[in-house]
Amino acid sequence: MEKFLHHFGHSTPEEAEQLIATATWEERDSGANVDMEAIRRILGRVATSGLSYTDLSDPDAQILDKRLKVLFSPWGFEEQLDLEHESPEPYTHLIEVEDRMPKDAEVRFLPMLRFGWRYGTTDLEAEPEYFIFHPDHVEKLAEEIKLLMTNPVPWSDPIIAEIVDQNLVKVLASVLEKKKGLAGVWSY
């Protein structure tokens, strides 16, 4: 968390440039045409003032969404943020997982795995295809997963229970043991 808070809010000018370069590596390598001025403005603000969607227009918020997906991808800011890839494969059975939750259970973090969550917002409709959870969020997500795993209703296929165990239960246990946050991206 210390590294995250440094790079997303207290970066030096050199570190801000490194963040921008990392977030745009693909376009620079391919020569694709992107609005570098907008990316530089948005990520420069994030690097020095913190990760926030406050006062961003919809197009600027979408630029930030896309750049965060790059930064938290396997080709992103892995070393600077001390990221470790935990999940052995993408997880595709979240609808069934959500359906297993007891009807009276308060579910806050599980839906964010399916659609993503714009960091620091309450907007669950944006579907930014990424999420970033602080360690306390990871603990709450693990509690939600424990509820659905103890539900005696049979799985549609036993292999799904194994996939959930491998890609959610074990990943969350590992992250909790390390007292780290958790980030995920889709369709990079």
Protein backbone atom coordinates (compact mmCIF):
# COMPACT_ATOMS: atom_id res chain seq x y z
CA MET A 1 0.00 0.00 0.00
CA GLU A 2 2.89 2.32 0.75
CA LYS A 3 4.20 1.99 -2.82
CA PHE A 4 0.70 2.35 -4.26
CA LEU A 5 0.06 5.56 -2.30
CA HIS A 6 3.46 6.91 -3.30
CA HIS A 7 3.09 6.29 -7.04
CA PHE A 8 -0.55 7.37 -7.07
CA GLY A 9 -0.31 10.69 -5.31
CA HIS A 10 3.25 11.51 -4.29
CA SER A 11 5.34 10.76 -7.37
CA THR A 12 8.37 12.79 -8.29
CA PRO A 13 8.29 14.34 -11.78
CA GLU A 14 10.55 11.51 -13.01
CA GLU A 15 8.27 8.86 -11.50
CA ALA A 16 5.22 10.55 -13.07
CA GLU A 17 6.94 10.35 -16.48
CA GLN A 18 7.71 6.67 -15.88
CA LEU A 19 4.04 6.02 -15.01
CA ILE A 20 2.90 7.77 -18.19
CA ALA A 21 5.44 5.88 -20.30
CA THR A 22 4.36 2.55 -18.82
CA ALA A 23 0.67 3.35 -19.38
CA THR A 24 1.27 4.17 -23.04
CA TRP A 25 3.94 1.63 -24.03
CA GLU A 26 1.70 -0.21 -26.47
CA GLU A 27 0.73 2.90 -28.44
CA ARG A 28 4.33 4.12 -28.52
CA ASP A 29 5.56 0.73 -29.77
CA SER A 30 2.85 0.38 -32.41
CA GLY A 31 2.66 4.03 -33.44
CA ALA A 32 -1.08 4.12 -32.68
CA ASN A 33 -2.62 7.55 -32.54
CA VAL A 34 -3.83 8.52 -29.06
CA ASP A 35 -4.41 11.85 -27.35
CA MET A 36 -1.11 11.94 -25.47
CA GLU A 37 -1.84 15.42 -24.11
CA ALA A 38 -5.01 14.17 -22.38
CA ILE A 39 -3.25 11.04 -21.09
CA ARG A 40 -0.33 13.13 -19.81
CA ARG A 41 -2.69 15.60 -18.09
CA ILE A 42 -4.83 12.90 -16.43
CA LEU A 43 -2.00 10.59 -15.35
CA GLY A 44 0.18 13.49 -14.27
CA ARG A 45 -2.58 14.58 -11.92
CA VAL A 46 -3.06 11.02 -10.63
CA ALA A 47 0.69 10.59 -10.06
CA THR A 48 1.01 13.76 -8.02
CA SER A 49 -2.44 14.28 -6.47
CA GLY A 50 -3.84 10.77 -6.03
CA LEU A 51 -6.07 8.34 -7.88
CA SER A 52 -9.44 10.07 -8.14
CA TYR A 53 -12.22 10.44 -10.67
CA THR A 54 -13.40 13.70 -9.11
CA ASP A 55 -13.93 16.42 -11.73
CA LEU A 56 -13.10 14.12 -14.66
CA SER A 57 -15.37 14.26 -17.70
CA ASP A 58 -16.76 10.96 -18.99
CA PRO A 59 -14.13 10.78 -21.78
CA ASP A 60 -11.33 11.56 -19.30
CA ALA A 61 -12.65 8.91 -16.89
CA GLN A 62 -12.57 6.38 -19.73
CA ILE A 63 -8.98 7.37 -20.54
CA LEU A 64 -8.06 6.79 -16.88
CA ASP A 65 -9.90 3.43 -16.87
CA LYS A 66 -7.94 2.24 -19.89
CA ARG A 67 -4.59 3.43 -18.55
CA LEU A 68 -5.17 1.80 -15.15
CA LYS A 69 -5.88 -1.48 -16.92
CA VAL A 70 -2.47 -1.19 -18.58
CA LEU A 71 -0.69 -0.21 -15.36
CA PHE A 72 -2.13 -3.21 -13.47
CA SER A 73 -1.67 -5.66 -16.34
CA PRO A 74 1.29 -8.08 -16.51
CA TRP A 75 3.06 -5.47 -18.70
CA GLY A 76 2.40 -2.57 -16.34
CA PHE A 77 3.80 -1.13 -13.16
CA GLU A 78 4.58 -4.54 -11.69
CA GLU A 79 8.02 -3.83 -10.26
CA GLN A 80 7.27 -0.32 -8.99
CA LEU A 81 4.19 -1.50 -7.09
CA ASP A 82 5.61 -4.87 -5.99
CA LEU A 83 2.81 -6.69 -7.82
CA GLU A 84 2.55 -10.47 -7.82
CA HIS A 85 0.28 -12.39 -10.16
CA GLU A 86 -1.80 -14.71 -8.00
CA SER A 87 -4.56 -16.16 -10.15
CA PRO A 88 -3.48 -18.98 -12.46
CA GLU A 89 -6.18 -18.18 -15.04
CA PRO A 90 -8.98 -15.72 -15.79
CA TYR A 91 -12.15 -16.39 -13.86
CA THR A 92 -15.35 -16.71 -15.88
CA HIS A 93 -17.96 -18.20 -13.53
CA LEU A 94 -18.88 -15.16 -11.47
CA ILE A 95 -22.59 -15.32 -12.31
CA GLU A 96 -22.92 -18.71 -10.65
CA VAL A 97 -20.79 -17.53 -7.74
CA GLU A 98 -23.09 -14.54 -7.15
CA ASP A 99 -26.14 -16.80 -7.38
CA ARG A 100 -24.78 -18.91 -4.52
CA MET A 101 -24.84 -16.00 -2.06
CA PRO A 102 -27.50 -16.30 0.66
CA LYS A 103 -30.38 -13.95 -0.16
CA ASP A 104 -30.09 -12.05 3.13
CA ALA A 105 -26.31 -11.54 2.86
CA GLU A 106 -24.93 -8.07 2.30
CA VAL A 107 -22.77 -8.30 -0.81
CA ARG A 108 -20.55 -5.37 -1.63
CA PHE A 109 -17.28 -6.54 -3.16
CA LEU A 110 -18.25 -9.66 -5.12
CA PRO A 111 -20.07 -7.70 -7.88
CA MET A 112 -16.95 -5.59 -8.33
CA LEU A 113 -15.08 -8.71 -9.46
CA ARG A 114 -17.53 -9.19 -12.30
CA PHE A 115 -17.76 -5.68 -13.73
CA GLY A 116 -14.92 -3.82 -12.13
CA TRP A 117 -14.91 -0.81 -9.88
CA ARG A 118 -13.61 2.68 -10.41
CA TYR A 119 -11.22 3.21 -7.55
CA GLY A 120 -12.53 5.53 -4.85
CA THR A 121 -16.04 5.82 -6.26
CA THR A 122 -19.42 4.33 -5.44
CA ASP A 123 -20.26 3.98 -9.15
CA LEU A 124 -20.88 0.33 -9.97
CA GLU A 125 -22.40 1.13 -13.37
CA ALA A 126 -19.22 2.33 -15.12
CA GLU A 127 -17.81 -1.18 -15.66
CA PRO A 128 -14.18 -0.04 -16.06
CA GLU A 129 -12.93 -3.65 -16.31
CA TYR A 130 -10.50 -3.24 -13.43
CA PHE A 131 -10.62 -3.15 -9.64
CA ILE A 132 -8.20 -2.15 -6.93
CA PHE A 133 -8.90 -3.33 -3.39
CA HIS A 134 -7.09 -2.19 -0.25
CA PRO A 135 -6.18 -4.96 2.22
CA ASP A 136 -9.32 -4.30 4.29
CA HIS A 137 -11.44 -4.70 1.13
CA VAL A 138 -9.71 -8.02 0.44
CA GLU A 139 -10.68 -9.23 3.90
CA LYS A 140 -14.33 -8.28 3.32
CA LEU A 141 -14.33 -9.94 -0.10
CA ALA A 142 -12.89 -13.11 1.47
CA GLU A 143 -15.77 -13.09 3.99
CA GLU A 144 -18.27 -12.84 1.12
CA ILE A 145 -16.59 -15.71 -0.73
CA LYS A 146 -16.62 -17.84 2.44
CA LEU A 147 -20.39 -17.36 2.67
CA LEU A 148 -21.00 -18.64 -0.84
CA MET A 149 -18.55 -21.52 -0.48
CA THR A 150 -20.38 -22.82 2.61
CA ASN A 151 -23.74 -22.70 0.82
CA PRO A 152 -24.89 -26.36 0.61
CA VAL A 153 -26.58 -25.87 -2.80
CA PRO A 154 -24.80 -28.06 -5.39
CA TRP A 155 -22.69 -26.42 -8.06
CA SER A 156 -23.86 -26.70 -11.67
CA ASP A 157 -20.64 -28.63 -12.32
CA PRO A 158 -18.10 -29.85 -9.74
CA ILE A 159 -15.26 -28.35 -11.78
CA ILE A 160 -16.62 -24.87 -11.08
CA ALA A 161 -16.18 -25.42 -7.33
CA GLU A 162 -12.54 -26.34 -8.03
CA ILE A 163 -12.03 -23.26 -10.22
CA VAL A 164 -13.54 -21.02 -7.54
CA ASP A 165 -11.31 -22.60 -4.92
CA GLN A 166 -8.17 -22.18 -7.06
CA ASN A 167 -8.90 -18.69 -8.45
CA LEU A 168 -10.72 -17.03 -5.57
CA VAL A 169 -10.39 -18.85 -2.25
CA LYS A 170 -6.67 -19.65 -2.54
CA VAL A 171 -5.81 -16.32 -4.15
CA LEU A 172 -7.58 -14.39 -1.39
CA ALA A 173 -5.92 -16.52 1.31
CA SER A 174 -2.50 -15.80 -0.22
CA VAL A 175 -3.15 -12.07 -0.50
CA LEU A 176 -4.50 -11.90 3.07
CA GLU A 177 -1.45 -13.74 4.39
CA LYS A 178 0.79 -11.16 2.71
CA LYS A 179 -1.38 -8.29 4.01
CA LYS A 180 -1.50 -6.83 0.51
CA GLY A 181 -4.13 -5.23 -1.68
CA LEU A 182 -5.62 -6.90 -4.74
CA ALA A 183 -5.98 -5.59 -8.29
CA GLY A 184 -7.48 -7.20 -11.35
CA VAL A 185 -8.05 -6.32 -15.00
CA TRP A 186 -10.12 -7.82 -17.78
CA SER A 187 -9.74 -7.89 -21.54
CA TYR A 188 -6.43 -6.17 -21.76
